Amino acid sequence: MRRLVISVLVGGSLLLGAPAFAQEDEATTYDFDDDIVSGDLVRPDGEMLNVRRRGQRDSLIRIREHFIPEMLKSVEDL
């Protein structure tokens, strides 16, 4: 009896563990024959909010007025 149970378990595991057979490669084709798509513009319920644009801001980058003279002074010391 014990051998029968063991042989059934081993046989079952061999059947379940068998490699799956690959399916044949079939080309899938989609056919869209003159399908008419119609619909309405869907908008959310409620009021449309218009937001005011923010004011234009000044640039935080400042151009140094004495850049070239300072560069010449630094070269003179070399």
PDB file of N, CA and C in Angstrom:
ATOM      1  N   MET A   1       0.828  -1.182   0.000  1.00  0.00           N
ATOM      2  CA  MET A   1       0.000   0.000   0.000  1.00  0.00           C
ATOM      3  C   MET A   1       0.879   1.256   0.000  1.00  0.00           C
ATOM      4  N   ARG A   2       1.895   1.221   0.803  1.00  0.00           N
ATOM      5  CA  ARG A   2       2.787   2.365   0.904  1.00  0.00           C
ATOM      6  C   ARG A   2       3.491   2.609  -0.421  1.00  0.00           C
ATOM      7  N   ARG A   3       3.908   1.548  -1.084  1.00  0.00           N
ATOM      8  CA  ARG A   3       4.569   1.682  -2.395  1.00  0.00           C
ATOM      9  C   ARG A   3       3.610   2.248  -3.432  1.00  0.00           C
ATOM     10  N   LEU A   4       2.376   1.870  -3.346  1.00  0.00           N
ATOM     11  CA  LEU A   4       1.369   2.364  -4.293  1.00  0.00           C
ATOM     12  C   LEU A   4       1.186   3.877  -4.130  1.00  0.00           C
ATOM     13  N   VAL A   5       1.124   4.347  -2.890  1.00  0.00           N
ATOM     14  CA  VAL A   5       0.951   5.776  -2.636  1.00  0.00           C
ATOM     15  C   VAL A   5       2.174   6.546  -3.118  1.00  0.00           C
ATOM     16  N   ILE A   6       3.364   6.005  -2.838  1.00  0.00           N
ATOM     17  CA  ILE A   6       4.590   6.671  -3.271  1.00  0.00           C
ATOM     18  C   ILE A   6       4.665   6.704  -4.789  1.00  0.00           C
ATOM     19  N   SER A   7       4.324   5.616  -5.454  1.00  0.00           N
ATOM     20  CA  SER A   7       4.387   5.588  -6.918  1.00  0.00           C
ATOM     21  C   SER A   7       3.362   6.541  -7.531  1.00  0.00           C
ATOM     22  N   VAL A   8       2.192   6.680  -6.917  1.00  0.00           N
ATOM     23  CA  VAL A   8       1.184   7.617  -7.420  1.00  0.00           C
ATOM     24  C   VAL A   8       1.683   9.050  -7.248  1.00  0.00           C
ATOM     25  N   LEU A   9       2.292   9.360  -6.098  1.00  0.00           N
ATOM     26  CA  LEU A   9       2.813  10.710  -5.881  1.00  0.00           C
ATOM     27  C   LEU A   9       3.955  11.045  -6.836  1.00  0.00           C
ATOM     28  N   VAL A  10       4.855  10.074  -7.064  1.00  0.00           N
ATOM     29  CA  VAL A  10       5.967  10.308  -7.987  1.00  0.00           C
ATOM     30  C   VAL A  10       5.449  10.453  -9.409  1.00  0.00           C
ATOM     31  N   GLY A  11       4.528   9.628  -9.804  1.00  0.00           N
ATOM     32  CA  GLY A  11       3.956   9.716 -11.150  1.00  0.00           C
ATOM     33  C   GLY A  11       3.201  11.015 -11.363  1.00  0.00           C
ATOM     34  N   GLY A  12       2.473  11.455 -10.342  1.00  0.00           N
ATOM     35  CA  GLY A  12       1.739  12.715 -10.441  1.00  0.00           C
ATOM     36  C   GLY A  12       2.677  13.905 -10.541  1.00  0.00           C
ATOM     37  N   SER A  13       3.762  13.854  -9.771  1.00  0.00           N
ATOM     38  CA  SER A  13       4.702  14.967  -9.833  1.00  0.00           C
ATOM     39  C   SER A  13       5.408  15.014 -11.177  1.00  0.00           C
ATOM     40  N   LEU A  14       5.645  13.854 -11.791  1.00  0.00           N
ATOM     41  CA  LEU A  14       6.257  13.843 -13.119  1.00  0.00           C
ATOM     42  C   LEU A  14       5.309  14.403 -14.170  1.00  0.00           C
ATOM     43  N   LEU A  15       4.037  14.106 -14.036  1.00  0.00           N
ATOM     44  CA  LEU A  15       3.068  14.626 -15.005  1.00  0.00           C
ATOM     45  C   LEU A  15       2.883  16.132 -14.847  1.00  0.00           C
ATOM     46  N   LEU A  16       2.860  16.598 -13.602  1.00  0.00           N
ATOM     47  CA  LEU A  16       2.666  18.031 -13.377  1.00  0.00           C
ATOM     48  C   LEU A  16       3.924  18.829 -13.713  1.00  0.00           C
ATOM     49  N   GLY A  17       5.068  18.200 -13.568  1.00  0.00           N
ATOM     50  CA  GLY A  17       6.314  18.899 -13.825  1.00  0.00           C
ATOM     51  C   GLY A  17       6.770  18.794 -15.267  1.00  0.00           C
ATOM     52  N   ALA A  18       5.998  18.161 -16.123  1.00  0.00           N
ATOM     53  CA  ALA A  18       6.381  18.007 -17.522  1.00  0.00           C
ATOM     54  C   ALA A  18       6.415  19.384 -18.194  1.00  0.00           C
ATOM     55  N   PRO A  19       7.360  19.607 -19.078  1.00  0.00           N
ATOM     56  CA  PRO A  19       7.430  20.912 -19.746  1.00  0.00           C
ATOM     57  C   PRO A  19       6.205  21.143 -20.623  1.00  0.00           C
ATOM     58  N   ALA A  20       5.782  22.382 -20.659  1.00  0.00           N
ATOM     59  CA  ALA A  20       4.621  22.742 -21.465  1.00  0.00           C
ATOM     60  C   ALA A  20       5.034  22.789 -22.931  1.00  0.00           C
ATOM     61  N   PHE A  21       4.165  22.342 -23.775  1.00  0.00           N
ATOM     62  CA  PHE A  21       4.443  22.374 -25.201  1.00  0.00           C
ATOM     63  C   PHE A  21       4.139  23.767 -25.733  1.00  0.00           C
ATOM     64  N   ALA A  22       5.026  24.273 -26.559  1.00  0.00           N
ATOM     65  CA  ALA A  22       4.853  25.610 -27.116  1.00  0.00           C
ATOM     66  C   ALA A  22       3.714  25.616 -28.117  1.00  0.00           C
ATOM     67  N   GLN A  23       2.930  26.659 -28.058  1.00  0.00           N
ATOM     68  CA  GLN A  23       1.837  26.789 -29.014  1.00  0.00           C
ATOM     69  C   GLN A  23       2.400  27.316 -30.324  1.00  0.00           C
ATOM     70  N   GLU A  24       1.706  26.987 -31.376  1.00  0.00           N
ATOM     71  CA  GLU A  24       2.142  27.460 -32.687  1.00  0.00           C
ATOM     72  C   GLU A  24       1.950  28.977 -32.759  1.00  0.00           C
ATOM     73  N   ASP A  25       2.897  29.642 -33.395  1.00  0.00           N
ATOM     74  CA  ASP A  25       2.798  31.085 -33.543  1.00  0.00           C
ATOM     75  C   ASP A  25       1.751  31.413 -34.592  1.00  0.00           C
ATOM     76  N   GLU A  26       0.745  32.140 -34.172  1.00  0.00           N
ATOM     77  CA  GLU A  26      -0.296  32.545 -35.094  1.00  0.00           C
ATOM     78  C   GLU A  26      -0.272  34.062 -35.195  1.00  0.00           C
ATOM     79  N   ALA A  27      -0.352  34.556 -36.389  1.00  0.00           N
ATOM     80  CA  ALA A  27      -0.358  36.000 -36.600  1.00  0.00           C
ATOM     81  C   ALA A  27      -1.733  36.542 -36.230  1.00  0.00           C
ATOM     82  N   THR A  28      -1.758  37.573 -35.415  1.00  0.00           N
ATOM     83  CA  THR A  28      -3.007  38.191 -35.004  1.00  0.00           C
ATOM     84  C   THR A  28      -3.270  39.383 -35.899  1.00  0.00           C
ATOM     85  N   THR A  29      -4.416  39.422 -36.467  1.00  0.00           N
ATOM     86  CA  THR A  29      -4.774  40.542 -37.331  1.00  0.00           C
ATOM     87  C   THR A  29      -6.014  41.220 -36.769  1.00  0.00           C
ATOM     88  N   TYR A  30      -6.026  42.537 -36.885  1.00  0.00           N
ATOM     89  CA  TYR A  30      -7.166  43.331 -36.466  1.00  0.00           C
ATOM     90  C   TYR A  30      -7.715  44.036 -37.692  1.00  0.00           C
ATOM     91  N   ASP A  31      -9.006  43.983 -37.857  1.00  0.00           N
ATOM     92  CA  ASP A  31      -9.631  44.582 -39.022  1.00  0.00           C
ATOM     93  C   ASP A  31     -10.588  45.683 -38.569  1.00  0.00           C
ATOM     94  N   PHE A  32     -10.277  46.917 -38.943  1.00  0.00           N
ATOM     95  CA  PHE A  32     -11.121  48.053 -38.616  1.00  0.00           C
ATOM     96  C   PHE A  32     -11.729  48.568 -39.910  1.00  0.00           C
ATOM     97  N   ASP A  33     -12.870  48.086 -40.229  1.00  0.00           N
ATOM     98  CA  ASP A  33     -13.524  48.470 -41.482  1.00  0.00           C
ATOM     99  C   ASP A  33     -14.462  49.641 -41.253  1.00  0.00           C
ATOM    100  N   ASP A  34     -14.032  50.816 -41.665  1.00  0.00           N
ATOM    101  CA  ASP A  34     -14.872  52.013 -41.675  1.00  0.00           C
ATOM    102  C   ASP A  34     -15.751  52.149 -40.439  1.00  0.00           C
ATOM    103  N   ASP A  35     -15.153  52.016 -39.273  1.00  0.00           N
ATOM    104  CA  ASP A  35     -15.902  52.215 -38.037  1.00  0.00           C
ATOM    105  C   ASP A  35     -16.056  53.707 -37.797  1.00  0.00           C
ATOM    106  N   ILE A  36     -17.270  54.154 -37.618  1.00  0.00           N
ATOM    107  CA  ILE A  36     -17.548  55.562 -37.383  1.00  0.00           C
ATOM    108  C   ILE A  36     -17.608  55.792 -35.879  1.00  0.00           C
ATOM    109  N   VAL A  37     -16.788  56.710 -35.437  1.00  0.00           N
ATOM    110  CA  VAL A  37     -16.768  57.048 -34.017  1.00  0.00           C
ATOM    111  C   VAL A  37     -17.359  58.436 -33.876  1.00  0.00           C
ATOM    112  N   SER A  38     -18.411  58.540 -33.107  1.00  0.00           N
ATOM    113  CA  SER A  38     -19.042  59.837 -32.907  1.00  0.00           C
ATOM    114  C   SER A  38     -19.234  60.048 -31.414  1.00  0.00           C
ATOM    115  N   GLY A  39     -19.207  61.310 -31.024  1.00  0.00           N
ATOM    116  CA  GLY A  39     -19.390  61.607 -29.610  1.00  0.00           C
ATOM    117  C   GLY A  39     -19.502  63.092 -29.397  1.00  0.00           C
ATOM    118  N   ASP A  40     -19.807  63.469 -28.177  1.00  0.00           N
ATOM    119  CA  ASP A  40     -19.956  64.869 -27.815  1.00  0.00           C
ATOM    120  C   ASP A  40     -18.788  65.283 -26.943  1.00  0.00           C
ATOM    121  N   LEU A  41     -18.568  66.571 -26.889  1.00  0.00           N
ATOM    122  CA  LEU A  41     -17.542  67.119 -26.029  1.00  0.00           C
ATOM    123  C   LEU A  41     -18.033  67.044 -24.588  1.00  0.00           C
ATOM    124  N   VAL A  42     -17.276  66.380 -23.760  1.00  0.00           N
ATOM    125  CA  VAL A  42     -17.673  66.204 -22.367  1.00  0.00           C
ATOM    126  C   VAL A  42     -16.886  67.185 -21.509  1.00  0.00           C
ATOM    127  N   ARG A  43     -17.596  67.988 -20.756  1.00  0.00           N
ATOM    128  CA  ARG A  43     -16.968  68.966 -19.880  1.00  0.00           C
ATOM    129  C   ARG A  43     -17.386  68.673 -18.446  1.00  0.00           C
ATOM    130  N   PRO A  44     -16.543  69.081 -17.512  1.00  0.00           N
ATOM    131  CA  PRO A  44     -16.922  68.866 -16.114  1.00  0.00           C
ATOM    132  C   PRO A  44     -18.063  69.782 -15.709  1.00  0.00           C
ATOM    133  N   ASP A  45     -18.821  69.330 -14.750  1.00  0.00           N
ATOM    134  CA  ASP A  45     -19.919  70.158 -14.240  1.00  0.00           C
ATOM    135  C   ASP A  45     -19.349  71.284 -13.391  1.00  0.00           C
ATOM    136  N   GLY A  46     -20.013  72.386 -13.385  1.00  0.00           N
ATOM    137  CA  GLY A  46     -19.586  73.496 -12.544  1.00  0.00           C
ATOM    138  C   GLY A  46     -19.071  74.649 -13.368  1.00  0.00           C
ATOM    139  N   GLU A  47     -18.563  75.635 -12.657  1.00  0.00           N
ATOM    140  CA  GLU A  47     -18.098  76.861 -13.282  1.00  0.00           C
ATOM    141  C   GLU A  47     -16.663  76.725 -13.745  1.00  0.00           C
ATOM    142  N   MET A  48     -16.359  77.407 -14.836  1.00  0.00           N
ATOM    143  CA  MET A  48     -14.984  77.477 -15.308  1.00  0.00           C
ATOM    144  C   MET A  48     -14.302  78.618 -14.572  1.00  0.00           C
ATOM    145  N   LEU A  49     -13.132  78.376 -14.018  1.00  0.00           N
ATOM    146  CA  LEU A  49     -12.408  79.413 -13.282  1.00  0.00           C
ATOM    147  C   LEU A  49     -11.277  79.942 -14.141  1.00  0.00           C
ATOM    148  N   ASN A  50     -11.207  81.247 -14.248  1.00  0.00           N
ATOM    149  CA  ASN A  50     -10.107  81.883 -14.953  1.00  0.00           C
ATOM    150  C   ASN A  50      -9.152  82.446 -13.912  1.00  0.00           C
ATOM    151  N   VAL A  51      -7.900  82.083 -14.007  1.00  0.00           N
ATOM    152  CA  VAL A  51      -6.912  82.522 -13.039  1.00  0.00           C
ATOM    153  C   VAL A  51      -6.091  83.632 -13.663  1.00  0.00           C
ATOM    154  N   ARG A  52      -5.897  84.701 -12.899  1.00  0.00           N
ATOM    155  CA  ARG A  52      -5.119  85.823 -13.372  1.00  0.00           C
ATOM    156  C   ARG A  52      -3.647  85.461 -13.417  1.00  0.00           C
ATOM    157  N   ARG A  53      -2.956  85.904 -14.431  1.00  0.00           N
ATOM    158  CA  ARG A  53      -1.523  85.635 -14.533  1.00  0.00           C
ATOM    159  C   ARG A  53      -0.769  86.460 -13.507  1.00  0.00           C
ATOM    160  N   ARG A  54       0.308  85.912 -13.022  1.00  0.00           N
ATOM    161  CA  ARG A  54       1.136  86.639 -12.070  1.00  0.00           C
ATOM    162  C   ARG A  54       1.906  87.732 -12.792  1.00  0.00           C
ATOM    163  N   GLY A  55       2.266  88.744 -12.050  1.00  0.00           N
ATOM    164  CA  GLY A  55       3.006  89.857 -12.619  1.00  0.00           C
ATOM    165  C   GLY A  55       4.417  89.438 -13.011  1.00  0.00           C
ATOM    166  N   GLN A  56       4.989  90.186 -13.922  1.00  0.00           N
ATOM    167  CA  GLN A  56       6.342  89.894 -14.369  1.00  0.00           C
ATOM    168  C   GLN A  56       7.324  90.320 -13.293  1.00  0.00           C
ATOM    169  N   ARG A  57       8.279  89.481 -13.027  1.00  0.00           N
ATOM    170  CA  ARG A  57       9.232  89.761 -11.961  1.00  0.00           C
ATOM    171  C   ARG A  57      10.577  90.138 -12.532  1.00  0.00           C
ATOM    172  N   ASP A  58      11.322  90.888 -11.758  1.00  0.00           N
ATOM    173  CA  ASP A  58      12.663  91.286 -12.170  1.00  0.00           C
ATOM    174  C   ASP A  58      13.608  90.099 -12.032  1.00  0.00           C
ATOM    175  N   SER A  59      14.624  90.110 -12.853  1.00  0.00           N
ATOM    176  CA  SER A  59      15.621  89.051 -12.804  1.00  0.00           C
ATOM    177  C   SER A  59      16.467  89.199 -11.554  1.00  0.00           C
ATOM    178  N   LEU A  60      16.825  88.085 -10.950  1.00  0.00           N
ATOM    179  CA  LEU A  60      17.670  88.109  -9.760  1.00  0.00           C
ATOM    180  C   LEU A  60      19.149  88.119 -10.127  1.00  0.00           C
ATOM    181  N   ILE A  61      19.459  87.995 -11.398  1.00  0.00           N
ATOM    182  CA  ILE A  61      20.842  88.007 -11.854  1.00  0.00           C
ATOM    183  C   ILE A  61      21.262  89.452 -12.074  1.00  0.00           C
ATOM    184  N   ARG A  62      22.301  89.863 -11.389  1.00  0.00           N
ATOM    185  CA  ARG A  62      22.813  91.230 -11.526  1.00  0.00           C
ATOM    186  C   ARG A  62      24.149  91.196 -12.241  1.00  0.00           C
ATOM    187  N   ILE A  63      24.292  92.032 -13.253  1.00  0.00           N
ATOM    188  CA  ILE A  63      25.534  92.108 -14.007  1.00  0.00           C
ATOM    189  C   ILE A  63      26.499  93.018 -13.249  1.00  0.00           C
ATOM    190  N   ARG A  64      27.691  92.532 -13.025  1.00  0.00           N
ATOM    191  CA  ARG A  64      28.703  93.323 -12.315  1.00  0.00           C
ATOM    192  C   ARG A  64      29.258  94.391 -13.252  1.00  0.00           C
ATOM    193  N   GLU A  65      29.181  95.616 -12.819  1.00  0.00           N
ATOM    194  CA  GLU A  65      29.590  96.736 -13.666  1.00  0.00           C
ATOM    195  C   GLU A  65      31.101  96.828 -13.814  1.00  0.00           C
ATOM    196  N   HIS A  66      31.836  96.444 -12.790  1.00  0.00           N
ATOM    197  CA  HIS A  66      33.288  96.609 -12.802  1.00  0.00           C
ATOM    198  C   HIS A  66      33.995  95.273 -13.021  1.00  0.00           C
ATOM    199  N   PHE A  67      33.406  94.398 -13.780  1.00  0.00           N
ATOM    200  CA  PHE A  67      33.964  93.059 -13.947  1.00  0.00           C
ATOM    201  C   PHE A  67      35.309  93.092 -14.691  1.00  0.00           C
ATOM    202  N   ILE A  68      35.353  93.781 -15.820  1.00  0.00           N
ATOM    203  CA  ILE A  68      36.580  93.794 -16.637  1.00  0.00           C
ATOM    204  C   ILE A  68      37.736  94.468 -15.893  1.00  0.00           C
ATOM    205  N   PRO A  69      37.542  95.615 -15.267  1.00  0.00           N
ATOM    206  CA  PRO A  69      38.663  96.190 -14.510  1.00  0.00           C
ATOM    207  C   PRO A  69      39.137  95.285 -13.364  1.00  0.00           C
ATOM    208  N   GLU A  70      38.225  94.604 -12.721  1.00  0.00           N
ATOM    209  CA  GLU A  70      38.634  93.693 -11.636  1.00  0.00           C
ATOM    210  C   GLU A  70      39.431  92.515 -12.193  1.00  0.00           C
ATOM    211  N   MET A  71      39.044  92.030 -13.355  1.00  0.00           N
ATOM    212  CA  MET A  71      39.791  90.932 -13.981  1.00  0.00           C
ATOM    213  C   MET A  71      41.211  91.387 -14.347  1.00  0.00           C
ATOM    214  N   LEU A  72      41.343  92.606 -14.874  1.00  0.00           N
ATOM    215  CA  LEU A  72      42.663  93.130 -15.231  1.00  0.00           C
ATOM    216  C   LEU A  72      43.560  93.294 -13.986  1.00  0.00           C
ATOM    217  N   LYS A  73      42.970  93.729 -12.870  1.00  0.00           N
ATOM    218  CA  LYS A  73      43.728  93.866 -11.633  1.00  0.00           C
ATOM    219  C   LYS A  73      44.219  92.504 -11.147  1.00  0.00           C
ATOM    220  N   SER A  74      43.393  91.483 -11.279  1.00  0.00           N
ATOM    221  CA  SER A  74      43.812  90.163 -10.810  1.00  0.00           C
ATOM    222  C   SER A  74      44.935  89.589 -11.672  1.00  0.00           C
ATOM    223  N   VAL A  75      45.000  89.954 -12.952  1.00  0.00           N
ATOM    224  CA  VAL A  75      46.051  89.473 -13.844  1.00  0.00           C
ATOM    225  C   VAL A  75      47.363  90.207 -13.578  1.00  0.00           C
ATOM    226  N   GLU A  76      47.292  91.459 -13.190  1.00  0.00           N
ATOM    227  CA  GLU A  76      48.491  92.244 -12.931  1.00  0.00           C
ATOM    228  C   GLU A  76      49.317  91.672 -11.785  1.00  0.00           C
ATOM    229  N   ASP A  77      48.648  91.053 -10.817  1.00  0.00           N
ATOM    230  CA  ASP A  77      49.344  90.517  -9.666  1.00  0.00           C
ATOM    231  C   ASP A  77      50.105  89.226  -9.985  1.00  0.00           C
ATOM    232  N   LEU A  78      49.830  88.613 -11.094  1.00  0.00           N
ATOM    233  CA  LEU A  78      50.535  87.365 -11.449  1.00  0.00           C
ATOM    234  C   LEU A  78      51.884  87.725 -11.951  1.00  0.00           C
TER     235      LEU A  78
END
